[in-house]
N, C-alpha and C. Protein backbone atom coordinates (compact mmCIF):
# COMPACT_ATOMS: atom_id res chain seq x y z
N UNK A 1 -9.91 -1.51 -12.50
CA UNK A 1 -9.52 -2.85 -12.78
C UNK A 1 -8.77 -3.36 -11.53
N UNK A 2 -9.08 -4.55 -11.09
CA UNK A 2 -8.39 -5.19 -9.97
C UNK A 2 -7.46 -6.25 -10.54
N UNK A 3 -6.21 -6.24 -10.09
CA UNK A 3 -5.26 -7.24 -10.58
C UNK A 3 -4.28 -7.63 -9.49
N UNK A 4 -3.65 -8.76 -9.67
CA UNK A 4 -2.64 -9.23 -8.72
C UNK A 4 -1.40 -8.37 -8.91
N UNK A 5 -0.84 -7.91 -7.82
CA UNK A 5 0.34 -7.05 -7.87
C UNK A 5 1.61 -7.87 -7.86
N UNK A 6 2.65 -7.37 -8.52
CA UNK A 6 3.96 -7.99 -8.47
C UNK A 6 4.70 -7.38 -7.28
N UNK A 7 4.60 -8.04 -6.14
CA UNK A 7 5.14 -7.49 -4.89
C UNK A 7 6.66 -7.53 -4.83
N UNK A 8 7.31 -8.06 -5.88
CA UNK A 8 8.77 -7.95 -5.95
C UNK A 8 9.16 -6.58 -6.51
N UNK A 9 8.17 -5.86 -7.07
CA UNK A 9 8.44 -4.55 -7.67
C UNK A 9 7.79 -3.38 -6.93
N UNK A 10 6.78 -3.67 -6.13
CA UNK A 10 6.12 -2.62 -5.36
C UNK A 10 5.97 -3.09 -3.91
N UNK A 11 5.95 -2.18 -2.96
CA UNK A 11 5.78 -2.58 -1.56
C UNK A 11 4.41 -3.21 -1.32
N UNK A 12 4.39 -4.27 -0.54
CA UNK A 12 3.14 -4.95 -0.22
C UNK A 12 2.13 -4.01 0.43
N UNK A 13 2.61 -3.00 1.15
CA UNK A 13 1.71 -2.05 1.82
C UNK A 13 0.81 -1.33 0.81
N UNK A 14 1.28 -1.15 -0.43
CA UNK A 14 0.45 -0.50 -1.45
C UNK A 14 -0.74 -1.35 -1.85
N UNK A 15 -0.73 -2.61 -1.48
CA UNK A 15 -1.86 -3.50 -1.78
C UNK A 15 -2.72 -3.71 -0.55
N UNK A 16 -2.45 -2.95 0.52
CA UNK A 16 -3.13 -3.15 1.81
C UNK A 16 -2.91 -4.58 2.28
N UNK A 17 -1.71 -5.09 2.01
CA UNK A 17 -1.29 -6.45 2.38
C UNK A 17 -2.16 -7.54 1.77
N UNK A 18 -2.86 -7.24 0.68
CA UNK A 18 -3.73 -8.22 0.04
C UNK A 18 -3.07 -8.90 -1.16
N UNK A 19 -2.04 -8.25 -1.74
CA UNK A 19 -1.42 -8.76 -2.95
C UNK A 19 -2.14 -8.33 -4.22
N UNK A 20 -3.20 -7.52 -4.07
CA UNK A 20 -3.97 -7.05 -5.22
C UNK A 20 -4.00 -5.53 -5.24
N UNK A 21 -4.13 -4.98 -6.44
CA UNK A 21 -4.21 -3.53 -6.60
C UNK A 21 -5.40 -3.18 -7.47
N UNK A 22 -5.99 -2.03 -7.18
CA UNK A 22 -7.03 -1.48 -8.04
C UNK A 22 -6.41 -0.40 -8.90
N UNK A 23 -6.60 -0.49 -10.20
CA UNK A 23 -6.05 0.48 -11.15
C UNK A 23 -7.18 1.23 -11.82
N UNK A 24 -6.97 2.51 -12.03
CA UNK A 24 -7.97 3.27 -12.77
C UNK A 24 -7.28 4.43 -13.49
N UNK A 25 -7.95 4.91 -14.49
CA UNK A 25 -7.46 6.04 -15.27
C UNK A 25 -8.53 7.13 -15.18
N UNK A 26 -8.15 8.33 -14.78
CA UNK A 26 -9.15 9.39 -14.63
C UNK A 26 -9.74 9.82 -15.96
N UNK A 27 -10.94 10.34 -15.89
CA UNK A 27 -11.60 10.91 -17.06
C UNK A 27 -11.71 12.42 -16.83
N UNK A 28 -10.56 13.03 -16.62
CA UNK A 28 -10.51 14.46 -16.30
C UNK A 28 -9.29 15.05 -17.01
N UNK A 29 -9.49 16.11 -17.76
CA UNK A 29 -8.40 16.69 -18.55
C UNK A 29 -7.23 17.14 -17.70
N UNK A 30 -7.50 17.76 -16.56
CA UNK A 30 -6.42 18.26 -15.70
C UNK A 30 -5.63 17.09 -15.12
N UNK A 31 -6.32 16.07 -14.62
CA UNK A 31 -5.63 14.91 -14.05
C UNK A 31 -4.80 14.19 -15.11
N UNK A 32 -5.35 14.02 -16.30
CA UNK A 32 -4.61 13.35 -17.37
C UNK A 32 -3.38 14.15 -17.78
N UNK A 33 -3.50 15.47 -17.83
CA UNK A 33 -2.36 16.32 -18.18
C UNK A 33 -1.29 16.26 -17.09
N UNK A 34 -1.71 16.24 -15.83
CA UNK A 34 -0.77 16.13 -14.72
C UNK A 34 0.02 14.81 -14.82
N UNK A 35 -0.68 13.72 -15.09
CA UNK A 35 -0.02 12.42 -15.25
C UNK A 35 0.94 12.46 -16.43
N UNK A 36 0.48 13.02 -17.55
CA UNK A 36 1.31 13.09 -18.75
C UNK A 36 2.58 13.90 -18.50
N UNK A 37 2.43 15.06 -17.90
CA UNK A 37 3.59 15.94 -17.67
C UNK A 37 4.54 15.39 -16.61
N UNK A 38 4.03 14.59 -15.67
CA UNK A 38 4.91 14.02 -14.64
C UNK A 38 5.77 12.90 -15.22
N UNK A 39 5.32 12.31 -16.34
CA UNK A 39 6.04 11.24 -17.01
C UNK A 39 6.34 10.06 -16.08
N UNK A 40 5.39 9.78 -15.21
CA UNK A 40 5.54 8.64 -14.30
C UNK A 40 4.17 8.21 -13.82
N UNK A 41 4.12 7.02 -13.26
CA UNK A 41 2.88 6.53 -12.68
C UNK A 41 2.63 7.25 -11.36
N UNK A 42 1.39 7.40 -10.99
CA UNK A 42 1.04 8.06 -9.73
C UNK A 42 0.22 7.09 -8.89
N UNK A 43 0.69 6.84 -7.68
CA UNK A 43 -0.06 6.02 -6.73
C UNK A 43 -0.62 6.96 -5.68
N UNK A 44 -1.91 6.89 -5.46
CA UNK A 44 -2.54 7.80 -4.51
C UNK A 44 -3.74 7.14 -3.85
N UNK A 45 -3.94 7.41 -2.59
CA UNK A 45 -5.14 6.91 -1.93
C UNK A 45 -6.33 7.79 -2.29
N UNK A 46 -7.49 7.36 -1.92
CA UNK A 46 -8.67 8.20 -2.10
C UNK A 46 -8.52 9.46 -1.25
N UNK A 47 -9.11 10.54 -1.70
CA UNK A 47 -8.98 11.82 -1.00
C UNK A 47 -10.11 12.01 -0.01
N UNK A 48 -10.34 11.00 0.83
CA UNK A 48 -11.35 11.13 1.87
C UNK A 48 -10.96 10.21 3.03
N UNK A 49 -11.48 10.51 4.18
CA UNK A 49 -11.22 9.70 5.36
C UNK A 49 -12.01 8.39 5.29
N UNK A 50 -11.51 7.37 5.95
CA UNK A 50 -12.18 6.08 5.99
C UNK A 50 -13.63 6.25 6.41
N UNK A 51 -14.52 5.64 5.70
CA UNK A 51 -15.97 5.63 5.94
C UNK A 51 -16.67 6.95 5.56
N UNK A 52 -15.93 7.91 5.04
CA UNK A 52 -16.55 9.15 4.56
C UNK A 52 -16.91 8.99 3.09
N UNK A 53 -17.89 9.73 2.64
CA UNK A 53 -18.32 9.70 1.25
C UNK A 53 -17.20 10.23 0.37
N UNK A 54 -17.01 9.62 -0.80
CA UNK A 54 -15.98 10.09 -1.74
C UNK A 54 -16.30 11.51 -2.19
N UNK A 55 -15.28 12.37 -2.23
CA UNK A 55 -15.51 13.76 -2.61
C UNK A 55 -15.79 13.92 -4.09
N UNK A 56 -16.59 14.91 -4.43
CA UNK A 56 -16.85 15.26 -5.83
C UNK A 56 -16.40 16.69 -6.13
N UNK A 57 -15.99 17.42 -5.09
CA UNK A 57 -15.49 18.78 -5.26
C UNK A 57 -14.29 18.96 -4.34
N UNK A 58 -13.40 19.87 -4.71
CA UNK A 58 -12.19 20.09 -3.91
C UNK A 58 -12.53 20.54 -2.49
N UNK A 59 -13.60 21.27 -2.31
CA UNK A 59 -13.98 21.71 -0.97
C UNK A 59 -14.29 20.51 -0.06
N UNK A 60 -14.80 19.42 -0.63
CA UNK A 60 -15.06 18.22 0.17
C UNK A 60 -13.75 17.63 0.69
N UNK A 61 -12.72 17.64 -0.15
CA UNK A 61 -11.40 17.16 0.27
C UNK A 61 -10.88 18.05 1.40
N UNK A 62 -10.97 19.35 1.20
CA UNK A 62 -10.50 20.29 2.22
C UNK A 62 -11.25 20.08 3.54
N UNK A 63 -12.56 19.92 3.48
CA UNK A 63 -13.35 19.75 4.70
C UNK A 63 -12.94 18.50 5.47
N UNK A 64 -12.56 17.44 4.77
CA UNK A 64 -12.13 16.20 5.42
C UNK A 64 -10.69 16.29 5.93
N UNK A 65 -9.81 16.95 5.16
CA UNK A 65 -8.37 16.84 5.40
C UNK A 65 -7.68 18.17 5.69
N UNK A 66 -8.44 19.20 6.08
CA UNK A 66 -7.87 20.54 6.27
C UNK A 66 -6.71 20.58 7.26
N UNK A 67 -6.68 19.65 8.20
CA UNK A 67 -5.64 19.68 9.24
C UNK A 67 -4.47 18.75 8.92
N UNK A 68 -4.43 18.23 7.68
CA UNK A 68 -3.35 17.34 7.23
C UNK A 68 -2.44 18.08 6.26
N UNK A 69 -1.19 17.63 6.12
CA UNK A 69 -0.28 18.29 5.17
C UNK A 69 -0.58 17.85 3.73
N UNK A 70 -1.54 18.50 3.10
CA UNK A 70 -1.96 18.14 1.75
C UNK A 70 -1.88 19.33 0.82
N UNK A 71 -1.89 19.06 -0.46
CA UNK A 71 -2.03 20.08 -1.50
C UNK A 71 -3.21 19.68 -2.34
N UNK A 72 -4.03 20.62 -2.70
CA UNK A 72 -5.21 20.36 -3.51
C UNK A 72 -5.05 21.11 -4.83
N UNK A 73 -5.16 20.38 -5.93
CA UNK A 73 -5.16 20.99 -7.26
C UNK A 73 -6.60 20.96 -7.74
N UNK A 74 -7.20 22.11 -7.87
CA UNK A 74 -8.59 22.19 -8.31
C UNK A 74 -8.59 22.56 -9.78
N UNK A 75 -8.96 21.60 -10.61
CA UNK A 75 -8.94 21.82 -12.05
C UNK A 75 -10.20 22.46 -12.58
N UNK A 76 -11.09 22.89 -11.72
CA UNK A 76 -12.36 23.47 -12.16
C UNK A 76 -12.20 24.90 -12.55
């Protein structure tokens, strides 16, 4: 879902300076449990480099971002 962001409550940078945000809810048991147990909203970028295909497996994330300070939770 795309909606106008309330930039008095969140940094404009989270909207890529557009004033709009894309919201989604995962359809994955592990991700939903992580969100539930964290008891907070989670803001996260896509787990791929700009212009790279979106990953469908954790190894794809690792292959793109292996040299970055990341943690990968593989719920498979």
